[in-house]
Every structure is written in C-alpha cells, then in structure tokens.
C-alpha cells in the first residue's frame, strides 16, 4: 500500500467513528423535536472518552513496560465516561 491510500484509510476510519457515534448519540432526535444538538455533542464526547478508555485497556494487555499506567488510565477514563452517562440520564 502506498502512503496516500494509507492516509486515506486512516482518515476514513476516524470519519466512520465520528459518524457512528453521532448516530448512536441520537442525531435524529433533535431534528424531529426541534431542540438543540447539545445532547448529541455531549453524547459523542462521552462515547469518545469511553473509547479512549477501552483503547488504553487494550494497550495494557499488549504492553510489557507500562501495563499499570495503561490499566489505571483506562479504568479511570471508563469510570469518567460512566459517571457522565449517569449524569446525562
């Protein structure tokens, strides 16, 4: 694979994640009810915090040197995401 197609695939991966999280956070609800999109933005941010925690937990399983740091940071981000979910609901 050449360099430009690799950059394109990397960019597409992040666009796909943003689109998926936006739909998961309820993008169509504000369109139907004529309300603001604030809850959708907050929902997407909460999902990204949870995703970052999951990535750090995965890195803790594959890393040898900084396992404790990745594990603690991953669980902390997951806990923060869970706290925000309870605050929203």
N, C-alpha and C. Protein backbone atom coordinates (compact mmCIF):
# COMPACT_ATOMS: atom_id res chain seq x y z
N UNK A 1 0.83 -1.17 0.00
CA UNK A 1 0.00 0.00 0.00
C UNK A 1 0.88 1.24 0.00
N UNK A 2 0.50 2.20 -0.80
CA UNK A 2 1.29 3.42 -0.83
C UNK A 2 0.86 4.37 0.28
N UNK A 3 1.58 5.46 0.39
CA UNK A 3 1.40 6.38 1.52
C UNK A 3 0.06 7.11 1.46
N UNK A 4 -0.40 7.49 0.26
CA UNK A 4 -1.64 8.25 0.17
C UNK A 4 -2.85 7.39 0.49
N UNK A 5 -2.87 6.14 0.05
CA UNK A 5 -4.01 5.29 0.38
C UNK A 5 -4.03 4.95 1.86
N UNK A 6 -2.86 4.84 2.48
CA UNK A 6 -2.80 4.59 3.91
C UNK A 6 -3.36 5.78 4.69
N UNK A 7 -3.01 7.00 4.28
CA UNK A 7 -3.56 8.20 4.94
C UNK A 7 -5.06 8.29 4.72
N UNK A 8 -5.52 7.94 3.53
CA UNK A 8 -6.95 7.98 3.23
C UNK A 8 -7.70 6.99 4.11
N UNK A 9 -7.18 5.79 4.27
CA UNK A 9 -7.83 4.79 5.11
C UNK A 9 -7.85 5.21 6.57
N UNK A 10 -6.78 5.83 7.03
CA UNK A 10 -6.74 6.31 8.41
C UNK A 10 -7.77 7.42 8.62
N UNK A 11 -7.86 8.34 7.69
CA UNK A 11 -8.85 9.41 7.79
C UNK A 11 -10.26 8.88 7.73
N UNK A 12 -10.50 7.91 6.85
CA UNK A 12 -11.84 7.33 6.72
C UNK A 12 -12.23 6.60 8.00
N UNK A 13 -11.27 5.99 8.67
CA UNK A 13 -11.55 5.28 9.91
C UNK A 13 -12.10 6.24 10.96
N UNK A 14 -11.51 7.41 11.07
CA UNK A 14 -11.96 8.37 12.08
C UNK A 14 -13.28 9.02 11.68
N UNK A 15 -13.49 9.26 10.41
CA UNK A 15 -14.78 9.80 9.96
C UNK A 15 -15.89 8.80 10.24
N UNK A 16 -15.61 7.52 10.00
CA UNK A 16 -16.59 6.48 10.28
C UNK A 16 -16.92 6.42 11.77
N UNK A 17 -15.93 6.52 12.63
CA UNK A 17 -16.18 6.51 14.08
C UNK A 17 -17.04 7.70 14.51
N UNK A 18 -16.73 8.87 13.98
CA UNK A 18 -17.50 10.06 14.34
C UNK A 18 -18.94 9.92 13.87
N UNK A 19 -19.14 9.43 12.65
CA UNK A 19 -20.50 9.26 12.13
C UNK A 19 -21.26 8.21 12.95
N UNK A 20 -20.62 7.12 13.29
CA UNK A 20 -21.27 6.07 14.07
C UNK A 20 -21.65 6.57 15.46
N UNK A 21 -20.74 7.28 16.13
CA UNK A 21 -21.03 7.80 17.46
C UNK A 21 -22.11 8.87 17.41
N UNK A 22 -22.14 9.66 16.35
CA UNK A 22 -23.18 10.67 16.22
C UNK A 22 -24.55 10.03 16.09
N UNK A 23 -24.64 9.00 15.27
CA UNK A 23 -25.91 8.29 15.14
C UNK A 23 -26.28 7.58 16.44
N UNK A 24 -25.29 7.03 17.12
CA UNK A 24 -25.54 6.34 18.38
C UNK A 24 -26.00 7.30 19.47
N UNK A 25 -25.53 8.52 19.43
CA UNK A 25 -25.90 9.51 20.44
C UNK A 25 -27.26 10.13 20.19
N UNK A 26 -27.92 9.78 19.11
CA UNK A 26 -29.27 10.28 18.87
C UNK A 26 -29.33 11.49 17.98
N UNK A 27 -28.71 11.44 16.84
CA UNK A 27 -28.66 12.58 15.93
C UNK A 27 -30.04 13.00 15.44
N UNK A 28 -30.93 12.05 15.22
CA UNK A 28 -32.22 12.37 14.63
C UNK A 28 -33.24 12.90 15.62
N UNK A 29 -33.03 12.70 16.90
CA UNK A 29 -33.99 13.18 17.89
C UNK A 29 -34.13 14.71 17.88
N UNK A 30 -33.05 15.49 17.86
CA UNK A 30 -33.23 16.95 17.80
C UNK A 30 -33.85 17.41 16.48
N UNK A 31 -33.64 16.68 15.40
CA UNK A 31 -34.27 17.05 14.13
C UNK A 31 -35.78 16.87 14.18
N UNK A 32 -36.23 15.82 14.85
CA UNK A 32 -37.65 15.53 14.92
C UNK A 32 -38.35 16.46 15.90
N UNK A 33 -37.72 16.76 17.03
CA UNK A 33 -38.36 17.52 18.10
C UNK A 33 -38.03 19.01 18.08
N UNK A 34 -37.24 19.47 17.13
CA UNK A 34 -36.83 20.88 17.04
C UNK A 34 -36.17 21.39 18.32
N UNK A 35 -35.27 20.60 18.88
CA UNK A 35 -34.50 21.02 20.05
C UNK A 35 -33.04 21.19 19.63
N UNK A 36 -32.21 21.58 20.58
CA UNK A 36 -30.81 21.83 20.24
C UNK A 36 -30.02 20.52 20.18
N UNK A 37 -28.85 20.61 19.57
CA UNK A 37 -27.99 19.45 19.38
C UNK A 37 -26.97 19.31 20.52
N UNK A 38 -27.17 20.00 21.64
CA UNK A 38 -26.21 19.94 22.74
C UNK A 38 -26.08 18.53 23.31
N UNK A 39 -27.20 17.85 23.44
CA UNK A 39 -27.14 16.49 24.00
C UNK A 39 -26.41 15.53 23.07
N UNK A 40 -26.52 15.76 21.77
CA UNK A 40 -25.82 14.90 20.81
C UNK A 40 -24.31 15.12 20.92
N UNK A 41 -23.88 16.37 21.04
CA UNK A 41 -22.45 16.67 21.15
C UNK A 41 -21.89 16.08 22.44
N UNK A 42 -22.61 16.22 23.53
CA UNK A 42 -22.16 15.66 24.80
C UNK A 42 -22.12 14.14 24.73
N UNK A 43 -23.11 13.55 24.08
CA UNK A 43 -23.13 12.10 23.93
C UNK A 43 -21.96 11.58 23.12
N UNK A 44 -21.60 12.28 22.06
CA UNK A 44 -20.45 11.88 21.25
C UNK A 44 -19.16 12.00 22.06
N UNK A 45 -19.02 13.06 22.83
CA UNK A 45 -17.82 13.22 23.66
C UNK A 45 -17.72 12.13 24.72
N UNK A 46 -18.84 11.76 25.32
CA UNK A 46 -18.84 10.69 26.31
C UNK A 46 -18.43 9.37 25.67
N UNK A 47 -18.92 9.11 24.47
CA UNK A 47 -18.55 7.88 23.77
C UNK A 47 -17.07 7.86 23.42
N UNK A 48 -16.50 9.00 23.05
CA UNK A 48 -15.07 9.04 22.74
C UNK A 48 -14.22 8.86 24.00
N UNK A 49 -14.68 9.37 25.13
CA UNK A 49 -13.94 9.15 26.38
C UNK A 49 -13.95 7.65 26.72
N UNK A 50 -15.09 7.01 26.55
CA UNK A 50 -15.17 5.57 26.79
C UNK A 50 -14.32 4.78 25.81
N UNK A 51 -14.29 5.21 24.55
CA UNK A 51 -13.44 4.56 23.56
C UNK A 51 -11.97 4.69 23.91
N UNK A 52 -11.57 5.87 24.35
CA UNK A 52 -10.17 6.08 24.75
C UNK A 52 -9.82 5.18 25.93
N UNK A 53 -10.74 5.01 26.86
CA UNK A 53 -10.51 4.10 27.98
C UNK A 53 -10.37 2.66 27.51
N UNK A 54 -11.20 2.26 26.56
CA UNK A 54 -11.09 0.92 26.02
C UNK A 54 -9.79 0.68 25.28
N UNK A 55 -9.33 1.68 24.55
CA UNK A 55 -8.05 1.55 23.84
C UNK A 55 -6.91 1.43 24.83
N UNK A 56 -6.96 2.21 25.90
CA UNK A 56 -5.91 2.11 26.91
C UNK A 56 -5.93 0.76 27.63
N UNK A 57 -7.10 0.20 27.85
CA UNK A 57 -7.18 -1.13 28.43
C UNK A 57 -6.60 -2.18 27.49
N UNK A 58 -6.85 -2.03 26.21
CA UNK A 58 -6.26 -2.94 25.23
C UNK A 58 -4.74 -2.81 25.22
N UNK A 59 -4.25 -1.57 25.28
CA UNK A 59 -2.80 -1.35 25.30
C UNK A 59 -2.18 -1.95 26.56
N UNK A 60 -2.91 -1.95 27.66
CA UNK A 60 -2.36 -2.55 28.89
C UNK A 60 -2.21 -4.05 28.74
N UNK A 61 -3.06 -4.67 27.94
CA UNK A 61 -2.94 -6.12 27.74
C UNK A 61 -1.80 -6.47 26.80
N UNK A 62 -1.43 -5.55 25.91
CA UNK A 62 -0.39 -5.85 24.93
C UNK A 62 0.97 -5.25 25.28
N UNK A 63 1.02 -4.37 26.26
CA UNK A 63 2.26 -3.70 26.61
C UNK A 63 2.95 -4.43 27.75
N UNK A 64 4.26 -4.41 27.74
CA UNK A 64 5.03 -5.02 28.81
C UNK A 64 5.55 -3.99 29.81
N UNK A 65 5.92 -2.82 29.31
CA UNK A 65 6.58 -1.83 30.17
C UNK A 65 5.61 -1.03 31.02
N UNK A 66 4.60 -0.46 30.42
CA UNK A 66 3.71 0.49 31.11
C UNK A 66 2.33 -0.09 31.35
N UNK A 67 2.26 -1.33 31.73
CA UNK A 67 0.98 -2.02 31.91
C UNK A 67 0.13 -1.35 32.98
N UNK A 68 0.72 -1.01 34.12
CA UNK A 68 -0.05 -0.44 35.22
C UNK A 68 -0.59 0.95 34.88
N UNK A 69 0.21 1.73 34.17
CA UNK A 69 -0.24 3.09 33.79
C UNK A 69 -1.41 3.01 32.83
N UNK A 70 -1.30 2.15 31.82
CA UNK A 70 -2.39 1.99 30.85
C UNK A 70 -3.63 1.43 31.53
N UNK A 71 -3.47 0.49 32.42
CA UNK A 71 -4.60 -0.12 33.10
C UNK A 71 -5.33 0.89 33.98
N UNK A 72 -4.58 1.63 34.76
CA UNK A 72 -5.19 2.64 35.62
C UNK A 72 -5.85 3.76 34.83
N UNK A 73 -5.18 4.23 33.79
CA UNK A 73 -5.76 5.29 32.96
C UNK A 73 -7.00 4.81 32.22
N UNK A 74 -6.96 3.59 31.73
CA UNK A 74 -8.11 3.04 31.01
C UNK A 74 -9.33 2.91 31.90
N UNK A 75 -9.14 2.36 33.10
CA UNK A 75 -10.27 2.24 34.01
C UNK A 75 -10.75 3.61 34.49
N UNK A 76 -9.85 4.55 34.64
CA UNK A 76 -10.26 5.91 35.05
C UNK A 76 -11.11 6.56 33.97
N UNK A 77 -10.70 6.44 32.72
CA UNK A 77 -11.50 7.02 31.64
C UNK A 77 -12.84 6.32 31.49
N UNK A 78 -12.86 5.02 31.68
CA UNK A 78 -14.14 4.30 31.62
C UNK A 78 -15.06 4.74 32.76
N UNK A 79 -14.49 4.95 33.94
CA UNK A 79 -15.29 5.42 35.08
C UNK A 79 -15.81 6.83 34.84
N UNK A 80 -14.99 7.68 34.27
CA UNK A 80 -15.44 9.05 33.94
C UNK A 80 -16.57 9.01 32.93
N UNK A 81 -16.44 8.16 31.93
CA UNK A 81 -17.49 8.02 30.93
C UNK A 81 -18.78 7.51 31.56
N UNK A 82 -18.68 6.53 32.45
CA UNK A 82 -19.86 6.01 33.14
C UNK A 82 -20.50 7.07 34.02
N UNK A 83 -19.68 7.88 34.69
CA UNK A 83 -20.21 8.96 35.51
C UNK A 83 -20.98 9.97 34.65
N UNK A 84 -20.42 10.32 33.49
CA UNK A 84 -21.12 11.25 32.60
C UNK A 84 -22.42 10.67 32.06
N UNK A 85 -22.43 9.39 31.81
CA UNK A 85 -23.66 8.75 31.33
C UNK A 85 -24.74 8.84 32.41
N UNK A 86 -24.38 8.57 33.66
CA UNK A 86 -25.37 8.68 34.74
C UNK A 86 -25.81 10.13 34.94
N UNK A 87 -24.92 11.08 34.73
CA UNK A 87 -25.30 12.49 34.87
C UNK A 87 -26.25 12.92 33.76
N UNK A 88 -26.05 12.41 32.57
CA UNK A 88 -26.93 12.76 31.45
C UNK A 88 -28.31 12.17 31.65
N UNK A 89 -28.35 10.91 32.09
CA UNK A 89 -29.65 10.27 32.24
C UNK A 89 -30.28 10.65 33.57
